[in-house]
Amino acid sequence: MLTIQMVKDLIEKKDTKIATVTFIKADGSQRTVNGLFKPTSKMIGSDKGIAQGEAMKARGQVPIWSLQEKSWKSFMLDKVLEIK
């Protein structure tokens, strides 16, 4: 498992590039998501979308736009196994 600071640093490095994140879900299973941490404004949608993203960050969740599912996913900073 990566440290929280390592995860933050890797996310910052990715900026607007596609990332592959492998993490442990709340139910204990593993998930891998290919997506973007900094989406375009049309992916966020509205003020409600921005507010949801901020609420997730406040809880320690990191939102990521899944390219495959075309929807938002999230993970906890302390549950990340790998970011490529």
PDB file of N, CA and C in Angstrom:
ATOM      1  N   MET A   1       0.861  -1.180   0.000  1.00  0.00           N
ATOM      2  CA  MET A   1       0.000   0.000   0.000  1.00  0.00           C
ATOM      3  C   MET A   1       0.900   1.233   0.000  1.00  0.00           C
ATOM      4  N   LEU A   2       0.503   2.233  -0.779  1.00  0.00           N
ATOM      5  CA  LEU A   2       1.246   3.486  -0.841  1.00  0.00           C
ATOM      6  C   LEU A   2       0.870   4.381   0.338  1.00  0.00           C
ATOM      7  N   THR A   3       1.790   5.257   0.733  1.00  0.00           N
ATOM      8  CA  THR A   3       1.464   6.216   1.783  1.00  0.00           C
ATOM      9  C   THR A   3       0.566   7.306   1.199  1.00  0.00           C
ATOM     10  N   ILE A   4      -0.139   8.010   2.069  1.00  0.00           N
ATOM     11  CA  ILE A   4      -1.023   9.086   1.637  1.00  0.00           C
ATOM     12  C   ILE A   4      -0.229  10.147   0.881  1.00  0.00           C
ATOM     13  N   GLN A   5       0.954  10.501   1.375  1.00  0.00           N
ATOM     14  CA  GLN A   5       1.758  11.523   0.701  1.00  0.00           C
ATOM     15  C   GLN A   5       2.218  11.051  -0.674  1.00  0.00           C
ATOM     16  N   MET A   6       2.582   9.778  -0.797  1.00  0.00           N
ATOM     17  CA  MET A   6       2.977   9.236  -2.098  1.00  0.00           C
ATOM     18  C   MET A   6       1.824   9.328  -3.089  1.00  0.00           C
ATOM     19  N   VAL A   7       0.629   8.987  -2.623  1.00  0.00           N
ATOM     20  CA  VAL A   7      -0.558   9.052  -3.490  1.00  0.00           C
ATOM     21  C   VAL A   7      -0.806  10.491  -3.943  1.00  0.00           C
ATOM     22  N   LYS A   8      -0.754  11.441  -3.010  1.00  0.00           N
ATOM     23  CA  LYS A   8      -0.959  12.849  -3.358  1.00  0.00           C
ATOM     24  C   LYS A   8       0.069  13.312  -4.381  1.00  0.00           C
ATOM     25  N   ASP A   9       1.323  12.927  -4.188  1.00  0.00           N
ATOM     26  CA  ASP A   9       2.388  13.322  -5.114  1.00  0.00           C
ATOM     27  C   ASP A   9       2.163  12.732  -6.508  1.00  0.00           C
ATOM     28  N   LEU A  10       1.771  11.451  -6.572  1.00  0.00           N
ATOM     29  CA  LEU A  10       1.536  10.801  -7.857  1.00  0.00           C
ATOM     30  C   LEU A  10       0.345  11.426  -8.592  1.00  0.00           C
ATOM     31  N   ILE A  11      -0.694  11.767  -7.845  1.00  0.00           N
ATOM     32  CA  ILE A  11      -1.862  12.426  -8.449  1.00  0.00           C
ATOM     33  C   ILE A  11      -1.449  13.783  -9.014  1.00  0.00           C
ATOM     34  N   GLU A  12      -0.679  14.527  -8.245  1.00  0.00           N
ATOM     35  CA  GLU A  12      -0.219  15.844  -8.700  1.00  0.00           C
ATOM     36  C   GLU A  12       0.629  15.723  -9.967  1.00  0.00           C
ATOM     37  N   LYS A  13       1.477  14.713 -10.039  1.00  0.00           N
ATOM     38  CA  LYS A  13       2.332  14.489 -11.217  1.00  0.00           C
ATOM     39  C   LYS A  13       1.505  14.170 -12.458  1.00  0.00           C
ATOM     40  N   LYS A  14       0.412  13.440 -12.284  1.00  0.00           N
ATOM     41  CA  LYS A  14      -0.428  13.048 -13.423  1.00  0.00           C
ATOM     42  C   LYS A  14      -1.099  14.253 -14.061  1.00  0.00           C
ATOM     43  N   ASP A  15      -1.444  15.242 -13.269  1.00  0.00           N
ATOM     44  CA  ASP A  15      -2.085  16.462 -13.739  1.00  0.00           C
ATOM     45  C   ASP A  15      -3.275  16.117 -14.642  1.00  0.00           C
ATOM     46  N   THR A  16      -3.199  16.391 -15.947  1.00  0.00           N
ATOM     47  CA  THR A  16      -4.331  16.110 -16.842  1.00  0.00           C
ATOM     48  C   THR A  16      -4.120  14.837 -17.666  1.00  0.00           C
ATOM     49  N   LYS A  17      -3.094  14.059 -17.345  1.00  0.00           N
ATOM     50  CA  LYS A  17      -2.837  12.823 -18.085  1.00  0.00           C
ATOM     51  C   LYS A  17      -3.675  11.672 -17.525  1.00  0.00           C
ATOM     52  N   ILE A  18      -3.909  10.671 -18.353  1.00  0.00           N
ATOM     53  CA  ILE A  18      -4.667   9.485 -17.942  1.00  0.00           C
ATOM     54  C   ILE A  18      -3.877   8.702 -16.905  1.00  0.00           C
ATOM     55  N   ALA A  19      -4.560   8.263 -15.873  1.00  0.00           N
ATOM     56  CA  ALA A  19      -3.945   7.491 -14.794  1.00  0.00           C
ATOM     57  C   ALA A  19      -4.648   6.149 -14.655  1.00  0.00           C
ATOM     58  N   THR A  20      -3.899   5.151 -14.210  1.00  0.00           N
ATOM     59  CA  THR A  20      -4.469   3.851 -13.852  1.00  0.00           C
ATOM     60  C   THR A  20      -4.239   3.668 -12.360  1.00  0.00           C
ATOM     61  N   VAL A  21      -5.339   3.564 -11.613  1.00  0.00           N
ATOM     62  CA  VAL A  21      -5.258   3.470 -10.161  1.00  0.00           C
ATOM     63  C   VAL A  21      -5.820   2.122  -9.716  1.00  0.00           C
ATOM     64  N   THR A  22      -5.044   1.420  -8.901  1.00  0.00           N
ATOM     65  CA  THR A  22      -5.513   0.182  -8.300  1.00  0.00           C
ATOM     66  C   THR A  22      -5.642   0.436  -6.797  1.00  0.00           C
ATOM     67  N   PHE A  23      -6.827   0.121  -6.259  1.00  0.00           N
ATOM     68  CA  PHE A  23      -7.097   0.418  -4.851  1.00  0.00           C
ATOM     69  C   PHE A  23      -8.014  -0.638  -4.251  1.00  0.00           C
ATOM     70  N   ILE A  24      -8.120  -0.605  -2.929  1.00  0.00           N
ATOM     71  CA  ILE A  24      -9.002  -1.503  -2.187  1.00  0.00           C
ATOM     72  C   ILE A  24     -10.319  -0.778  -1.930  1.00  0.00           C
ATOM     73  N   LYS A  25     -11.423  -1.393  -2.348  1.00  0.00           N
ATOM     74  CA  LYS A  25     -12.756  -0.825  -2.147  1.00  0.00           C
ATOM     75  C   LYS A  25     -13.192  -1.011  -0.695  1.00  0.00           C
ATOM     76  N   ALA A  26     -14.269  -0.359  -0.316  1.00  0.00           N
ATOM     77  CA  ALA A  26     -14.795  -0.439   1.050  1.00  0.00           C
ATOM     78  C   ALA A  26     -15.151  -1.874   1.445  1.00  0.00           C
ATOM     79  N   ASP A  27     -15.561  -2.691   0.452  1.00  0.00           N
ATOM     80  CA  ASP A  27     -15.931  -4.077   0.768  1.00  0.00           C
ATOM     81  C   ASP A  27     -14.718  -5.014   0.822  1.00  0.00           C
ATOM     82  N   GLY A  28     -13.505  -4.452   0.623  1.00  0.00           N
ATOM     83  CA  GLY A  28     -12.287  -5.252   0.701  1.00  0.00           C
ATOM     84  C   GLY A  28     -11.804  -5.801  -0.631  1.00  0.00           C
ATOM     85  N   SER A  29     -12.615  -5.668  -1.671  1.00  0.00           N
ATOM     86  CA  SER A  29     -12.192  -6.153  -2.986  1.00  0.00           C
ATOM     87  C   SER A  29     -11.294  -5.110  -3.658  1.00  0.00           C
ATOM     88  N   GLN A  30     -10.615  -5.536  -4.703  1.00  0.00           N
ATOM     89  CA  GLN A  30      -9.685  -4.670  -5.416  1.00  0.00           C
ATOM     90  C   GLN A  30     -10.325  -4.156  -6.700  1.00  0.00           C
ATOM     91  N   ARG A  31     -10.059  -2.899  -7.040  1.00  0.00           N
ATOM     92  CA  ARG A  31     -10.580  -2.308  -8.275  1.00  0.00           C
ATOM     93  C   ARG A  31      -9.458  -1.539  -8.960  1.00  0.00           C
ATOM     94  N   THR A  32      -9.488  -1.567 -10.288  1.00  0.00           N
ATOM     95  CA  THR A  32      -8.573  -0.767 -11.096  1.00  0.00           C
ATOM     96  C   THR A  32      -9.406   0.131 -11.992  1.00  0.00           C
ATOM     97  N   VAL A  33      -9.065   1.421 -11.990  1.00  0.00           N
ATOM     98  CA  VAL A  33      -9.792   2.408 -12.785  1.00  0.00           C
ATOM     99  C   VAL A  33      -8.795   3.166 -13.654  1.00  0.00           C
ATOM    100  N   ASN A  34      -9.114   3.283 -14.940  1.00  0.00           N
ATOM    101  CA  ASN A  34      -8.373   4.161 -15.855  1.00  0.00           C
ATOM    102  C   ASN A  34      -9.176   5.435 -15.974  1.00  0.00           C
ATOM    103  N   GLY A  35      -8.547   6.565 -15.681  1.00  0.00           N
ATOM    104  CA  GLY A  35      -9.315   7.789 -15.753  1.00  0.00           C
ATOM    105  C   GLY A  35      -8.496   9.040 -15.582  1.00  0.00           C
ATOM    106  N   LEU A  36      -9.207  10.113 -15.288  1.00  0.00           N
ATOM    107  CA  LEU A  36      -8.618  11.444 -15.166  1.00  0.00           C
ATOM    108  C   LEU A  36      -8.941  12.047 -13.810  1.00  0.00           C
ATOM    109  N   PHE A  37      -7.931  12.684 -13.201  1.00  0.00           N
ATOM    110  CA  PHE A  37      -8.142  13.386 -11.934  1.00  0.00           C
ATOM    111  C   PHE A  37      -8.615  14.809 -12.170  1.00  0.00           C
ATOM    112  N   LYS A  38      -8.205  15.410 -13.281  1.00  0.00           N
ATOM    113  CA  LYS A  38      -8.580  16.791 -13.605  1.00  0.00           C
ATOM    114  C   LYS A  38      -9.403  16.775 -14.875  1.00  0.00           C
ATOM    115  N   PRO A  39     -10.692  16.562 -14.744  1.00  0.00           N
ATOM    116  CA  PRO A  39     -11.559  16.472 -15.924  1.00  0.00           C
ATOM    117  C   PRO A  39     -11.866  17.834 -16.514  1.00  0.00           C
ATOM    118  N   THR A  40     -12.412  17.806 -17.713  1.00  0.00           N
ATOM    119  CA  THR A  40     -12.853  19.046 -18.335  1.00  0.00           C
ATOM    120  C   THR A  40     -14.140  19.514 -17.663  1.00  0.00           C
ATOM    121  N   SER A  41     -14.487  20.750 -17.848  1.00  0.00           N
ATOM    122  CA  SER A  41     -15.651  21.320 -17.168  1.00  0.00           C
ATOM    123  C   SER A  41     -16.949  20.618 -17.541  1.00  0.00           C
ATOM    124  N   LYS A  42     -17.069  20.111 -18.765  1.00  0.00           N
ATOM    125  CA  LYS A  42     -18.324  19.457 -19.133  1.00  0.00           C
ATOM    126  C   LYS A  42     -18.506  18.116 -18.425  1.00  0.00           C
ATOM    127  N   MET A  43     -17.425  17.511 -17.904  1.00  0.00           N
ATOM    128  CA  MET A  43     -17.560  16.270 -17.127  1.00  0.00           C
ATOM    129  C   MET A  43     -18.101  16.564 -15.736  1.00  0.00           C
ATOM    130  N   ILE A  44     -17.742  17.717 -15.180  1.00  0.00           N
ATOM    131  CA  ILE A  44     -18.206  18.076 -13.846  1.00  0.00           C
ATOM    132  C   ILE A  44     -19.693  18.369 -13.891  1.00  0.00           C
ATOM    133  N   GLY A  45     -20.120  19.053 -14.933  1.00  0.00           N
ATOM    134  CA  GLY A  45     -21.536  19.306 -15.114  1.00  0.00           C
ATOM    135  C   GLY A  45     -21.990  20.622 -14.549  1.00  0.00           C
ATOM    136  N   SER A  46     -22.291  20.661 -13.275  1.00  0.00           N
ATOM    137  CA  SER A  46     -22.918  21.845 -12.692  1.00  0.00           C
ATOM    138  C   SER A  46     -22.262  22.200 -11.364  1.00  0.00           C
ATOM    139  N   ASP A  47     -22.834  23.201 -10.710  1.00  0.00           N
ATOM    140  CA  ASP A  47     -22.371  23.565  -9.370  1.00  0.00           C
ATOM    141  C   ASP A  47     -22.541  22.391  -8.409  1.00  0.00           C
ATOM    142  N   LYS A  48     -23.592  21.590  -8.629  1.00  0.00           N
ATOM    143  CA  LYS A  48     -23.826  20.421  -7.787  1.00  0.00           C
ATOM    144  C   LYS A  48     -22.665  19.427  -7.933  1.00  0.00           C
ATOM    145  N   GLY A  49     -22.193  19.242  -9.149  1.00  0.00           N
ATOM    146  CA  GLY A  49     -21.069  18.342  -9.384  1.00  0.00           C
ATOM    147  C   GLY A  49     -19.805  18.827  -8.694  1.00  0.00           C
ATOM    148  N   ILE A  50     -19.582  20.132  -8.738  1.00  0.00           N
ATOM    149  CA  ILE A  50     -18.424  20.711  -8.067  1.00  0.00           C
ATOM    150  C   ILE A  50     -18.547  20.514  -6.553  1.00  0.00           C
ATOM    151  N   ALA A  51     -19.733  20.740  -6.009  1.00  0.00           N
ATOM    152  CA  ALA A  51     -19.963  20.577  -4.572  1.00  0.00           C
ATOM    153  C   ALA A  51     -19.757  19.126  -4.142  1.00  0.00           C
ATOM    154  N   GLN A  52     -20.214  18.181  -4.960  1.00  0.00           N
ATOM    155  CA  GLN A  52     -20.020  16.769  -4.637  1.00  0.00           C
ATOM    156  C   GLN A  52     -18.541  16.425  -4.598  1.00  0.00           C
ATOM    157  N   GLY A  53     -17.779  16.944  -5.560  1.00  0.00           N
ATOM    158  CA  GLY A  53     -16.345  16.699  -5.589  1.00  0.00           C
ATOM    159  C   GLY A  53     -15.651  17.242  -4.354  1.00  0.00           C
ATOM    160  N   GLU A  54     -16.040  18.426  -3.927  1.00  0.00           N
ATOM    161  CA  GLU A  54     -15.445  19.027  -2.731  1.00  0.00           C
ATOM    162  C   GLU A  54     -15.807  18.243  -1.478  1.00  0.00           C
ATOM    163  N   ALA A  55     -17.045  17.741  -1.398  1.00  0.00           N
ATOM    164  CA  ALA A  55     -17.464  16.934  -0.247  1.00  0.00           C
ATOM    165  C   ALA A  55     -16.669  15.630  -0.186  1.00  0.00           C
ATOM    166  N   MET A  56     -16.423  15.026  -1.342  1.00  0.00           N
ATOM    167  CA  MET A  56     -15.635  13.798  -1.389  1.00  0.00           C
ATOM    168  C   MET A  56     -14.215  14.063  -0.890  1.00  0.00           C
ATOM    169  N   LYS A  57     -13.612  15.151  -1.342  1.00  0.00           N
ATOM    170  CA  LYS A  57     -12.252  15.492  -0.915  1.00  0.00           C
ATOM    171  C   LYS A  57     -12.190  15.708   0.589  1.00  0.00           C
ATOM    172  N   ALA A  58     -13.223  16.336   1.152  1.00  0.00           N
ATOM    173  CA  ALA A  58     -13.263  16.590   2.594  1.00  0.00           C
ATOM    174  C   ALA A  58     -13.301  15.291   3.397  1.00  0.00           C
ATOM    175  N   ARG A  59     -13.863  14.240   2.809  1.00  0.00           N
ATOM    176  CA  ARG A  59     -13.924  12.937   3.480  1.00  0.00           C
ATOM    177  C   ARG A  59     -12.669  12.093   3.217  1.00  0.00           C
ATOM    178  N   GLY A  60     -11.716  12.643   2.471  1.00  0.00           N
ATOM    179  CA  GLY A  60     -10.496  11.896   2.163  1.00  0.00           C
ATOM    180  C   GLY A  60     -10.613  11.043   0.916  1.00  0.00           C
ATOM    181  N   GLN A  61     -11.685  11.238   0.161  1.00  0.00           N
ATOM    182  CA  GLN A  61     -11.873  10.500  -1.090  1.00  0.00           C
ATOM    183  C   GLN A  61     -11.264  11.291  -2.244  1.00  0.00           C
ATOM    184  N   VAL A  62     -10.784  10.560  -3.241  1.00  0.00           N
ATOM    185  CA  VAL A  62     -10.246  11.190  -4.442  1.00  0.00           C
ATOM    186  C   VAL A  62     -11.167  10.827  -5.603  1.00  0.00           C
ATOM    187  N   PRO A  63     -11.800  11.818  -6.226  1.00  0.00           N
ATOM    188  CA  PRO A  63     -12.653  11.531  -7.385  1.00  0.00           C
ATOM    189  C   PRO A  63     -11.802  11.289  -8.631  1.00  0.00           C
ATOM    190  N   ILE A  64     -12.220  10.334  -9.446  1.00  0.00           N
ATOM    191  CA  ILE A  64     -11.555  10.057 -10.721  1.00  0.00           C
ATOM    192  C   ILE A  64     -12.631   9.753 -11.754  1.00  0.00           C
ATOM    193  N   TRP A  65     -12.507  10.357 -12.938  1.00  0.00           N
ATOM    194  CA  TRP A  65     -13.463  10.136 -14.022  1.00  0.00           C
ATOM    195  C   TRP A  65     -13.047   8.876 -14.757  1.00  0.00           C
ATOM    196  N   SER A  66     -13.857   7.830 -14.674  1.00  0.00           N
ATOM    197  CA  SER A  66     -13.567   6.563 -15.335  1.00  0.00           C
ATOM    198  C   SER A  66     -13.860   6.696 -16.825  1.00  0.00           C
ATOM    199  N   LEU A  67     -12.826   6.516 -17.642  1.00  0.00           N
ATOM    200  CA  LEU A  67     -12.995   6.623 -19.089  1.00  0.00           C
ATOM    201  C   LEU A  67     -13.847   5.481 -19.632  1.00  0.00           C
ATOM    202  N   GLN A  68     -13.684   4.299 -19.078  1.00  0.00           N
ATOM    203  CA  GLN A  68     -14.426   3.128 -19.549  1.00  0.00           C
ATOM    204  C   GLN A  68     -15.913   3.239 -19.215  1.00  0.00           C
ATOM    205  N   GLU A  69     -16.214   3.621 -17.981  1.00  0.00           N
ATOM    206  CA  GLU A  69     -17.611   3.667 -17.534  1.00  0.00           C
ATOM    207  C   GLU A  69     -18.271   5.027 -17.762  1.00  0.00           C
ATOM    208  N   LYS A  70     -17.462   6.019 -18.129  1.00  0.00           N
ATOM    209  CA  LYS A  70     -17.955   7.382 -18.332  1.00  0.00           C
ATOM    210  C   LYS A  70     -18.769   7.871 -17.126  1.00  0.00           C
ATOM    211  N   SER A  71     -18.176   7.658 -15.947  1.00  0.00           N
ATOM    212  CA  SER A  71     -18.811   8.099 -14.713  1.00  0.00           C
ATOM    213  C   SER A  71     -17.737   8.319 -13.646  1.00  0.00           C
ATOM    214  N   TRP A  72     -18.151   9.005 -12.580  1.00  0.00           N
ATOM    215  CA  TRP A  72     -17.234   9.272 -11.482  1.00  0.00           C
ATOM    216  C   TRP A  72     -17.076   8.050 -10.594  1.00  0.00           C
ATOM    217  N   LYS A  73     -15.865   7.796 -10.180  1.00  0.00           N
ATOM    218  CA  LYS A  73     -15.521   6.793  -9.179  1.00  0.00           C
ATOM    219  C   LYS A  73     -14.706   7.536  -8.132  1.00  0.00           C
ATOM    220  N   SER A  74     -14.469   6.907  -7.014  1.00  0.00           N
ATOM    221  CA  SER A  74     -13.613   7.534  -6.012  1.00  0.00           C
ATOM    222  C   SER A  74     -12.909   6.457  -5.199  1.00  0.00           C
ATOM    223  N   PHE A  75     -11.843   6.876  -4.552  1.00  0.00           N
ATOM    224  CA  PHE A  75     -11.102   5.971  -3.688  1.00  0.00           C
ATOM    225  C   PHE A  75     -10.557   6.770  -2.515  1.00  0.00           C
ATOM    226  N   MET A  76     -10.222   6.054  -1.454  1.00  0.00           N
ATOM    227  CA  MET A  76      -9.643   6.671  -0.268  1.00  0.00           C
ATOM    228  C   MET A  76      -8.129   6.742  -0.442  1.00  0.00           C
ATOM    229  N   LEU A  77      -7.536   7.825   0.004  1.00  0.00           N
ATOM    230  CA  LEU A  77      -6.099   8.019  -0.130  1.00  0.00           C
ATOM    231  C   LEU A  77      -5.285   6.898   0.505  1.00  0.00           C
ATOM    232  N   ASP A  78      -5.789   6.341   1.599  1.00  0.00           N
ATOM    233  CA  ASP A  78      -5.020   5.325   2.326  1.00  0.00           C
ATOM    234  C   ASP A  78      -5.278   3.900   1.847  1.00  0.00           C
ATOM    235  N   LYS A  79      -5.975   3.731   0.721  1.00  0.00           N
ATOM    236  CA  LYS A  79      -6.291   2.385   0.203  1.00  0.00           C
ATOM    237  C   LYS A  79      -5.696   2.127  -1.169  1.00  0.00           C
ATOM    238  N   VAL A  80      -4.765   2.975  -1.615  1.00  0.00           N
ATOM    239  CA  VAL A  80      -4.194   2.855  -2.947  1.00  0.00           C
ATOM    240  C   VAL A  80      -3.022   1.874  -2.960  1.00  0.00           C
ATOM    241  N   LEU A  81      -3.070   0.943  -3.906  1.00  0.00           N
ATOM    242  CA  LEU A  81      -1.991  -0.018  -4.077  1.00  0.00           C
ATOM    243  C   LEU A  81      -0.991   0.460  -5.122  1.00  0.00           C
ATOM    244  N   GLU A  82      -1.501   1.121  -6.183  1.00  0.00           N
ATOM    245  CA  GLU A  82      -0.632   1.533  -7.284  1.00  0.00           C
ATOM    246  C   GLU A  82      -1.283   2.617  -8.120  1.00  0.00           C
ATOM    247  N   ILE A  83      -0.461   3.545  -8.612  1.00  0.00           N
ATOM    248  CA  ILE A  83      -0.897   4.539  -9.596  1.00  0.00           C
ATOM    249  C   ILE A  83       0.125   4.531 -10.709  1.00  0.00           C
ATOM    250  N   LYS A  84      -0.358   4.331 -11.936  1.00  0.00           N
ATOM    251  CA  LYS A  84       0.534   4.368 -13.113  1.00  0.00           C
ATOM    252  C   LYS A  84       0.108   5.499 -14.009  1.00  0.00           C
TER     253      LYS A  84
END
